[in-house]
Each structure stands twice: as structure tokens, then as C-alpha cells.
Amino acid sequence: MKYEYLDTMITGLRDLKNRYASQDFLARNTKVADVIKTRGGKVVFTGLGKAGLAAQKAAATFCSLGIAAVYMDPATALHGDLGCVQDDDIVVALSNSGETREVLEALALLGPKVFTVAVTSTRNSSLSKTVNICLDFGVVKEAGAMALAPTTSFLVMVALLDCLALYVSESRGWTLKDFGTVHHAGYLHDKAKELIAAEEKRKVH
């Protein structure tokens, strides 16, 4: 086992953190957050392969934080699933290369009123040129000798969208009680109840 795999992935996450020091990158992320907060529609995530799995995870995290979101498979989007996208929605397309054919084809069929966002490695890709805003995380090195399997790029996509979800949720004033309303079972339900009880106890004293 080689821990150097982790070094490669950690470098990718560190590089992402450094990108937030850029006023331009930060402003684009803030703009996307503002659109999500004010537009009124849901967030539709799309992507294929490992980017598709990152998109599914993002949709789940957004929902967990009270932000309406769904995942749309770009392949089945061409066979009817585009019907889930409404004019007031925000479509966030994930593709490391920015050249995934199915993603590009799906976006080309969206109505002009739909706000679109790309999460990709470069602003010079076909995807980045077809959207309203591009959140480019930079070209990253994948872990392993071949440096081909989506490892670092997957983690960076997930981290970027986790940050966006947390920012939108917190800026909306999402509370522990709100969190509890969408978690009715399991560990997170019990933990939320515990934290709410502790918070109420502090208020009494």
C-alpha cells in the first residue's frame, strides 16, 4: 500500500483551497450561491461516470441541507428526463474534461431561461463555453502510477460542491431544527435532537 496516493489527492484539495484566494473564483462561487438562493427553482446536477457519482452525491448533500436538488443522468435526459428541468431551475453540469458528449448534448437542449453552471477543470473546454458560469477547479493530477482513474478530480468536485451547499445553507439561516425536519431517522436524527436539547438547555440557563 502506498500512502503517496493520499499525497496526490491532498495536493488537489489544497490547490482547490488556494483557488478560493482568487477574487474572481470566489466571486463566481458567490454568484452561483446567490442564484440558488434567489431563483426559486431546484438545483439539477448532471454528469456521467465518476463525475455522475459526484453529481449524485452533491444532490444528496444539497437536499440534506434543505436545498431542493435532484440528479439527472445526461444519457437518459435525451430520452425524456429533461422534463424534470423547469425554467427557474439551476443546472450544474460536472465533467473533468469539459468534453463529455452526453453532458454537452443535454445542455444544448435546455431552454434559454435555465441558469447553467459548469464544474470542470478548465475554462477553455466546450462545457465552460456553453454555461452562464464556470467553476473551474484547475487541472489536477490523478493518484496512482497511470494517473488516469478519477480519484483527485472526484474528490475536488465533491469538496467544491460541499462548500457551495454549506455556504447556501448557512447564509439562508438553516438551523439545527431545520436540519432535524429533514432527518427523521438514524444517527443524524438522534444527533440533531441531542444538539437541539443542549441548545435549549443553554437558553434556559
C-alpha atoms as a PDB file:
ATOM      1  CA  MET A   1       0.000   0.000   0.000  1.00  0.00           C
ATOM      2  CA  LYS A   2       1.306   3.441  -0.898  1.00  0.00           C
ATOM      3  CA  TYR A   3       0.325   6.463   1.139  1.00  0.00           C
ATOM      4  CA  GLU A   4       1.631   8.608  -1.718  1.00  0.00           C
ATOM      5  CA  TYR A   5      -1.785   8.124  -3.293  1.00  0.00           C
ATOM      6  CA  LEU A   6      -3.152  10.269  -0.495  1.00  0.00           C
ATOM      7  CA  ASP A   7      -0.428  12.873  -1.020  1.00  0.00           C
ATOM      8  CA  THR A   8      -1.581  13.328  -4.612  1.00  0.00           C
ATOM      9  CA  MET A   9      -5.213  13.716  -3.591  1.00  0.00           C
ATOM     10  CA  ILE A  10      -4.374  16.047  -0.698  1.00  0.00           C
ATOM     11  CA  THR A  11      -2.415  18.239  -3.100  1.00  0.00           C
ATOM     12  CA  GLY A  12      -5.503  18.507  -5.297  1.00  0.00           C
ATOM     13  CA  LEU A  13      -7.653  19.579  -2.347  1.00  0.00           C
ATOM     14  CA  ARG A  14      -5.009  22.059  -1.205  1.00  0.00           C
ATOM     15  CA  ASP A  15      -4.881  23.549  -4.694  1.00  0.00           C
ATOM     16  CA  LEU A  16      -8.661  23.928  -4.622  1.00  0.00           C
ATOM     17  CA  LYS A  17      -8.431  25.759  -1.301  1.00  0.00           C
ATOM     18  CA  ASN A  18      -5.851  28.111  -2.788  1.00  0.00           C
ATOM     19  CA  ARG A  19      -8.191  28.908  -5.692  1.00  0.00           C
ATOM     20  CA  TYR A  20     -10.622  30.486  -3.242  1.00  0.00           C
ATOM     21  CA  ALA A  21      -7.949  33.135  -2.601  1.00  0.00           C
ATOM     22  CA  SER A  22      -8.645  34.367  -6.139  1.00  0.00           C
ATOM     23  CA  GLN A  23     -11.292  37.099  -6.032  1.00  0.00           C
ATOM     24  CA  ASP A  24     -12.564  36.017  -9.441  1.00  0.00           C
ATOM     25  CA  PHE A  25     -13.062  32.368  -8.448  1.00  0.00           C
ATOM     26  CA  LEU A  26     -14.614  33.385  -5.129  1.00  0.00           C
ATOM     27  CA  ALA A  27     -16.950  35.841  -6.859  1.00  0.00           C
ATOM     28  CA  ARG A  28     -18.137  33.190  -9.319  1.00  0.00           C
ATOM     29  CA  ASN A  29     -18.894  30.762  -6.475  1.00  0.00           C
ATOM     30  CA  THR A  30     -20.733  33.508  -4.580  1.00  0.00           C
ATOM     31  CA  LYS A  31     -22.743  34.363  -7.712  1.00  0.00           C
ATOM     32  CA  VAL A  32     -23.840  30.744  -8.094  1.00  0.00           C
ATOM     33  CA  ALA A  33     -24.848  30.667  -4.414  1.00  0.00           C
ATOM     34  CA  ASP A  34     -26.862  33.878  -4.838  1.00  0.00           C
ATOM     35  CA  VAL A  35     -28.655  32.467  -7.886  1.00  0.00           C
ATOM     36  CA  ILE A  36     -29.542  29.299  -5.972  1.00  0.00           C
ATOM     37  CA  LYS A  37     -30.884  31.366  -3.067  1.00  0.00           C
ATOM     38  CA  THR A  38     -32.954  33.791  -5.136  1.00  0.00           C
ATOM     39  CA  ARG A  39     -34.059  31.972  -8.274  1.00  0.00           C
ATOM     40  CA  GLY A  40     -36.642  29.793  -6.566  1.00  0.00           C
ATOM     41  CA  GLY A  41     -36.147  26.607  -8.550  1.00  0.00           C
ATOM     42  CA  LYS A  42     -34.326  23.418  -7.696  1.00  0.00           C
ATOM     43  CA  VAL A  43     -30.718  22.530  -8.449  1.00  0.00           C
ATOM     44  CA  VAL A  44     -30.367  19.830 -11.106  1.00  0.00           C
ATOM     45  CA  PHE A  45     -26.990  18.107 -11.071  1.00  0.00           C
ATOM     46  CA  THR A  46     -25.805  16.146 -14.077  1.00  0.00           C
ATOM     47  CA  GLY A  47     -22.675  14.256 -15.020  1.00  0.00           C
ATOM     48  CA  LEU A  48     -21.539  10.897 -16.367  1.00  0.00           C
ATOM     49  CA  GLY A  49     -19.252   8.228 -14.938  1.00  0.00           C
ATOM     50  CA  LYS A  50     -17.383   9.251 -11.806  1.00  0.00           C
ATOM     51  CA  ALA A  51     -18.486  12.860 -12.369  1.00  0.00           C
ATOM     52  CA  GLY A  52     -22.025  11.494 -12.351  1.00  0.00           C
ATOM     53  CA  LEU A  53     -21.418   9.885  -8.967  1.00  0.00           C
ATOM     54  CA  ALA A  54     -20.074  13.220  -7.671  1.00  0.00           C
ATOM     55  CA  ALA A  55     -23.220  14.869  -9.053  1.00  0.00           C
ATOM     56  CA  GLN A  56     -25.436  12.338  -7.243  1.00  0.00           C
ATOM     57  CA  LYS A  57     -23.562  12.957  -4.002  1.00  0.00           C
ATOM     58  CA  ALA A  58     -23.960  16.720  -4.445  1.00  0.00           C
ATOM     59  CA  ALA A  59     -27.721  16.392  -4.968  1.00  0.00           C
ATOM     60  CA  ALA A  60     -27.982  14.307  -1.787  1.00  0.00           C
ATOM     61  CA  THR A  61     -25.948  16.816   0.237  1.00  0.00           C
ATOM     62  CA  PHE A  62     -27.962  19.785  -1.009  1.00  0.00           C
ATOM     63  CA  CYS A  63     -31.218  18.036  -0.059  1.00  0.00           C
ATOM     64  CA  SER A  64     -29.786  17.150   3.349  1.00  0.00           C
ATOM     65  CA  LEU A  65     -29.191  20.872   3.926  1.00  0.00           C
ATOM     66  CA  GLY A  66     -32.652  21.941   2.827  1.00  0.00           C
ATOM     67  CA  ILE A  67     -31.817  22.910  -0.759  1.00  0.00           C
ATOM     68  CA  ALA A  68     -34.097  21.240  -3.291  1.00  0.00           C
ATOM     69  CA  ALA A  69     -31.946  19.222  -5.683  1.00  0.00           C
ATOM     70  CA  VAL A  70     -32.079  16.213  -7.994  1.00  0.00           C
ATOM     71  CA  TYR A  71     -29.695  14.224 -10.157  1.00  0.00           C
ATOM     72  CA  MET A  72     -30.339  13.907 -13.884  1.00  0.00           C
ATOM     73  CA  ASP A  73     -28.488  11.270 -15.892  1.00  0.00           C
ATOM     74  CA  PRO A  74     -27.366  13.073 -19.079  1.00  0.00           C
ATOM     75  CA  ALA A  75     -27.849   9.935 -21.176  1.00  0.00           C
ATOM     76  CA  THR A  76     -31.464   9.348 -20.123  1.00  0.00           C
ATOM     77  CA  ALA A  77     -32.038  13.112 -20.261  1.00  0.00           C
ATOM     78  CA  LEU A  78     -32.045  12.713 -24.035  1.00  0.00           C
ATOM     79  CA  HIS A  79     -34.846  10.152 -23.717  1.00  0.00           C
ATOM     80  CA  GLY A  80     -37.332  12.133 -21.644  1.00  0.00           C
ATOM     81  CA  ASP A  81     -35.653  13.004 -18.351  1.00  0.00           C
ATOM     82  CA  LEU A  82     -35.128  16.592 -19.498  1.00  0.00           C
ATOM     83  CA  GLY A  83     -38.726  17.019 -18.423  1.00  0.00           C
ATOM     84  CA  CYS A  84     -37.523  17.367 -14.837  1.00  0.00           C
ATOM     85  CA  VAL A  85     -35.879  20.716 -15.680  1.00  0.00           C
ATOM     86  CA  GLN A  86     -38.050  23.824 -15.364  1.00  0.00           C
ATOM     87  CA  ASP A  87     -37.271  27.384 -16.436  1.00  0.00           C
ATOM     88  CA  ASP A  88     -36.481  28.557 -12.893  1.00  0.00           C
ATOM     89  CA  ASP A  89     -34.070  25.684 -12.163  1.00  0.00           C
ATOM     90  CA  ILE A  90     -30.285  25.797 -11.991  1.00  0.00           C
ATOM     91  CA  VAL A  91     -28.482  23.030 -13.865  1.00  0.00           C
ATOM     92  CA  VAL A  92     -24.993  22.188 -12.600  1.00  0.00           C
ATOM     93  CA  ALA A  93     -23.029  20.048 -15.045  1.00  0.00           C
ATOM     94  CA  LEU A  94     -19.942  18.121 -13.894  1.00  0.00           C
ATOM     95  CA  SER A  95     -17.207  16.981 -16.261  1.00  0.00           C
ATOM     96  CA  ASN A  96     -13.500  16.923 -15.511  1.00  0.00           C
ATOM     97  CA  SER A  97     -12.550  17.324 -19.168  1.00  0.00           C
ATOM     98  CA  GLY A  98     -15.485  19.530 -20.042  1.00  0.00           C
ATOM     99  CA  GLU A  99     -15.931  17.489 -23.215  1.00  0.00           C
ATOM    100  CA  THR A 100     -18.350  14.739 -22.145  1.00  0.00           C
ATOM    101  CA  ARG A 101     -20.595  14.308 -25.187  1.00  0.00           C
ATOM    102  CA  GLU A 102     -23.771  13.307 -23.348  1.00  0.00           C
ATOM    103  CA  VAL A 103     -23.498  16.273 -20.976  1.00  0.00           C
ATOM    104  CA  LEU A 104     -22.952  18.722 -23.830  1.00  0.00           C
ATOM    105  CA  GLU A 105     -25.893  17.289 -25.765  1.00  0.00           C
ATOM    106  CA  ALA A 106     -28.206  17.514 -22.753  1.00  0.00           C
ATOM    107  CA  LEU A 107     -27.258  21.122 -22.039  1.00  0.00           C
ATOM    108  CA  ALA A 108     -27.784  22.086 -25.670  1.00  0.00           C
ATOM    109  CA  LEU A 109     -31.434  21.051 -25.350  1.00  0.00           C
ATOM    110  CA  LEU A 110     -32.206  23.205 -22.302  1.00  0.00           C
ATOM    111  CA  GLY A 111     -34.450  26.232 -22.602  1.00  0.00           C
ATOM    112  CA  PRO A 112     -32.820  29.676 -22.692  1.00  0.00           C
ATOM    113  CA  LYS A 113     -34.224  30.640 -19.282  1.00  0.00           C
ATOM    114  CA  VAL A 114     -32.460  27.820 -17.402  1.00  0.00           C
ATOM    115  CA  PHE A 115     -29.379  29.029 -15.496  1.00  0.00           C
ATOM    116  CA  THR A 116     -26.415  26.757 -16.133  1.00  0.00           C
ATOM    117  CA  VAL A 117     -23.192  26.129 -14.238  1.00  0.00           C
ATOM    118  CA  ALA A 118     -20.157  24.036 -15.165  1.00  0.00           C
ATOM    119  CA  VAL A 119     -17.894  22.296 -12.662  1.00  0.00           C
ATOM    120  CA  THR A 120     -14.846  21.354 -14.683  1.00  0.00           C
ATOM    121  CA  SER A 121     -11.075  21.566 -14.710  1.00  0.00           C
ATOM    122  CA  THR A 122     -10.644  24.346 -17.256  1.00  0.00           C
ATOM    123  CA  ARG A 123     -12.430  27.389 -18.614  1.00  0.00           C
ATOM    124  CA  ASN A 124     -11.229  26.535 -22.119  1.00  0.00           C
ATOM    125  CA  SER A 125     -13.471  23.475 -22.533  1.00  0.00           C
ATOM    126  CA  SER A 126     -16.595  23.146 -24.655  1.00  0.00           C
ATOM    127  CA  LEU A 127     -18.694  22.836 -21.496  1.00  0.00           C
ATOM    128  CA  SER A 128     -17.342  26.004 -19.905  1.00  0.00           C
ATOM    129  CA  LYS A 129     -18.206  27.964 -23.046  1.00  0.00           C
ATOM    130  CA  THR A 130     -21.860  26.874 -23.058  1.00  0.00           C
ATOM    131  CA  VAL A 131     -22.854  27.815 -19.497  1.00  0.00           C
ATOM    132  CA  ASN A 132     -23.669  31.000 -17.603  1.00  0.00           C
ATOM    133  CA  ILE A 133     -20.921  30.466 -15.025  1.00  0.00           C
ATOM    134  CA  CYS A 134     -17.937  28.114 -14.931  1.00  0.00           C
ATOM    135  CA  LEU A 135     -16.451  26.947 -11.627  1.00  0.00           C
ATOM    136  CA  ASP A 136     -13.102  25.655 -12.851  1.00  0.00           C
ATOM    137  CA  PHE A 137     -11.112  23.818 -10.200  1.00  0.00           C
ATOM    138  CA  GLY A 138      -7.911  23.545 -12.242  1.00  0.00           C
ATOM    139  CA  VAL A 139      -6.194  20.611 -13.885  1.00  0.00           C
ATOM    140  CA  VAL A 140      -5.395  18.085 -11.151  1.00  0.00           C
ATOM    141  CA  LYS A 141      -3.149  15.040 -11.070  1.00  0.00           C
ATOM    142  CA  GLU A 142      -4.973  11.775 -10.502  1.00  0.00           C
ATOM    143  CA  ALA A 143      -3.485   9.328  -7.988  1.00  0.00           C
ATOM    144  CA  GLY A 144      -1.650   6.163  -8.999  1.00  0.00           C
ATOM    145  CA  ALA A 145       1.028   5.174 -11.469  1.00  0.00           C
ATOM    146  CA  MET A 146      -1.237   5.587 -14.506  1.00  0.00           C
ATOM    147  CA  ALA A 147      -2.760   8.818 -13.135  1.00  0.00           C
ATOM    148  CA  LEU A 148      -5.910   8.084 -15.132  1.00  0.00           C
ATOM    149  CA  ALA A 149      -8.580   6.746 -12.770  1.00  0.00           C
ATOM    150  CA  PRO A 150     -10.759   9.622 -11.477  1.00  0.00           C
ATOM    151  CA  THR A 151      -9.522   9.992  -7.914  1.00  0.00           C
ATOM    152  CA  THR A 152      -8.296  13.509  -7.181  1.00  0.00           C
ATOM    153  CA  SER A 153     -10.721  15.091  -9.639  1.00  0.00           C
ATOM    154  CA  PHE A 154     -13.641  13.252  -7.994  1.00  0.00           C
ATOM    155  CA  LEU A 155     -12.672  14.467  -4.522  1.00  0.00           C
ATOM    156  CA  VAL A 156     -12.166  18.035  -5.711  1.00  0.00           C
ATOM    157  CA  MET A 157     -15.603  18.113  -7.377  1.00  0.00           C
ATOM    158  CA  VAL A 158     -17.230  16.765  -4.216  1.00  0.00           C
ATOM    159  CA  ALA A 159     -15.393  19.248  -1.983  1.00  0.00           C
ATOM    160  CA  LEU A 160     -16.226  22.237  -4.186  1.00  0.00           C
ATOM    161  CA  LEU A 161     -19.927  21.409  -4.198  1.00  0.00           C
ATOM    162  CA  ASP A 162     -19.950  20.582  -0.476  1.00  0.00           C
ATOM    163  CA  CYS A 163     -18.583  24.084   0.166  1.00  0.00           C
ATOM    164  CA  LEU A 164     -21.275  25.588  -2.050  1.00  0.00           C
ATOM    165  CA  ALA A 165     -24.040  23.646  -0.296  1.00  0.00           C
ATOM    166  CA  LEU A 166     -22.827  24.605   3.171  1.00  0.00           C
ATOM    167  CA  TYR A 167     -22.494  28.269   2.206  1.00  0.00           C
ATOM    168  CA  VAL A 168     -26.001  28.445   0.727  1.00  0.00           C
ATOM    169  CA  SER A 169     -27.497  26.640   3.705  1.00  0.00           C
ATOM    170  CA  GLU A 170     -25.750  28.761   6.335  1.00  0.00           C
ATOM    171  CA  SER A 171     -26.445  32.045   4.543  1.00  0.00           C
ATOM    172  CA  ARG A 172     -30.125  31.102   4.480  1.00  0.00           C
ATOM    173  CA  GLY A 173     -30.028  30.734   8.253  1.00  0.00           C
ATOM    174  CA  TRP A 174     -30.529  26.967   8.251  1.00  0.00           C
ATOM    175  CA  THR A 175     -30.776  25.835  11.860  1.00  0.00           C
ATOM    176  CA  LEU A 176     -30.468  22.621  13.835  1.00  0.00           C
ATOM    177  CA  LYS A 177     -34.262  22.427  13.990  1.00  0.00           C
ATOM    178  CA  ASP A 178     -34.437  22.821  10.229  1.00  0.00           C
ATOM    179  CA  PHE A 179     -31.873  20.060   9.865  1.00  0.00           C
ATOM    180  CA  GLY A 180     -33.974  17.871  12.132  1.00  0.00           C
ATOM    181  CA  THR A 181     -37.049  18.372   9.952  1.00  0.00           C
ATOM    182  CA  VAL A 182     -35.431  16.513   7.065  1.00  0.00           C
ATOM    183  CA  HIS A 183     -33.657  13.852   9.139  1.00  0.00           C
ATOM    184  CA  HIS A 184     -36.318  11.758  10.827  1.00  0.00           C
ATOM    185  CA  ALA A 185     -34.296   8.621  11.479  1.00  0.00           C
ATOM    186  CA  GLY A 186     -30.819   7.291  12.069  1.00  0.00           C
ATOM    187  CA  TYR A 187     -27.725   8.697  13.712  1.00  0.00           C
ATOM    188  CA  LEU A 188     -28.122  12.223  12.321  1.00  0.00           C
ATOM    189  CA  HIS A 189     -31.688  12.376  13.648  1.00  0.00           C
ATOM    190  CA  ASP A 190     -30.515  11.379  17.132  1.00  0.00           C
ATOM    191  CA  LYS A 191     -27.534  13.740  16.997  1.00  0.00           C
ATOM    192  CA  ALA A 192     -29.685  16.668  15.878  1.00  0.00           C
ATOM    193  CA  LYS A 193     -32.135  16.031  18.740  1.00  0.00           C
ATOM    194  CA  GLU A 194     -29.235  15.885  21.194  1.00  0.00           C
ATOM    195  CA  LEU A 195     -27.780  19.175  19.965  1.00  0.00           C
ATOM    196  CA  ILE A 196     -31.182  20.890  19.938  1.00  0.00           C
ATOM    197  CA  ALA A 197     -31.809  19.776  23.540  1.00  0.00           C
ATOM    198  CA  ALA A 198     -28.384  21.090  24.600  1.00  0.00           C
ATOM    199  CA  GLU A 199     -29.094  24.379  22.853  1.00  0.00           C
ATOM    200  CA  GLU A 200     -32.456  24.757  24.588  1.00  0.00           C
ATOM    201  CA  LYS A 201     -30.859  23.946  27.930  1.00  0.00           C
ATOM    202  CA  ARG A 202     -28.286  26.714  27.447  1.00  0.00           C
ATOM    203  CA  LYS A 203     -31.083  29.186  26.691  1.00  0.00           C
ATOM    204  CA  VAL A 204     -32.843  28.317  29.961  1.00  0.00           C
ATOM    205  CA  HIS A 205     -29.679  28.933  31.958  1.00  0.00           C
END
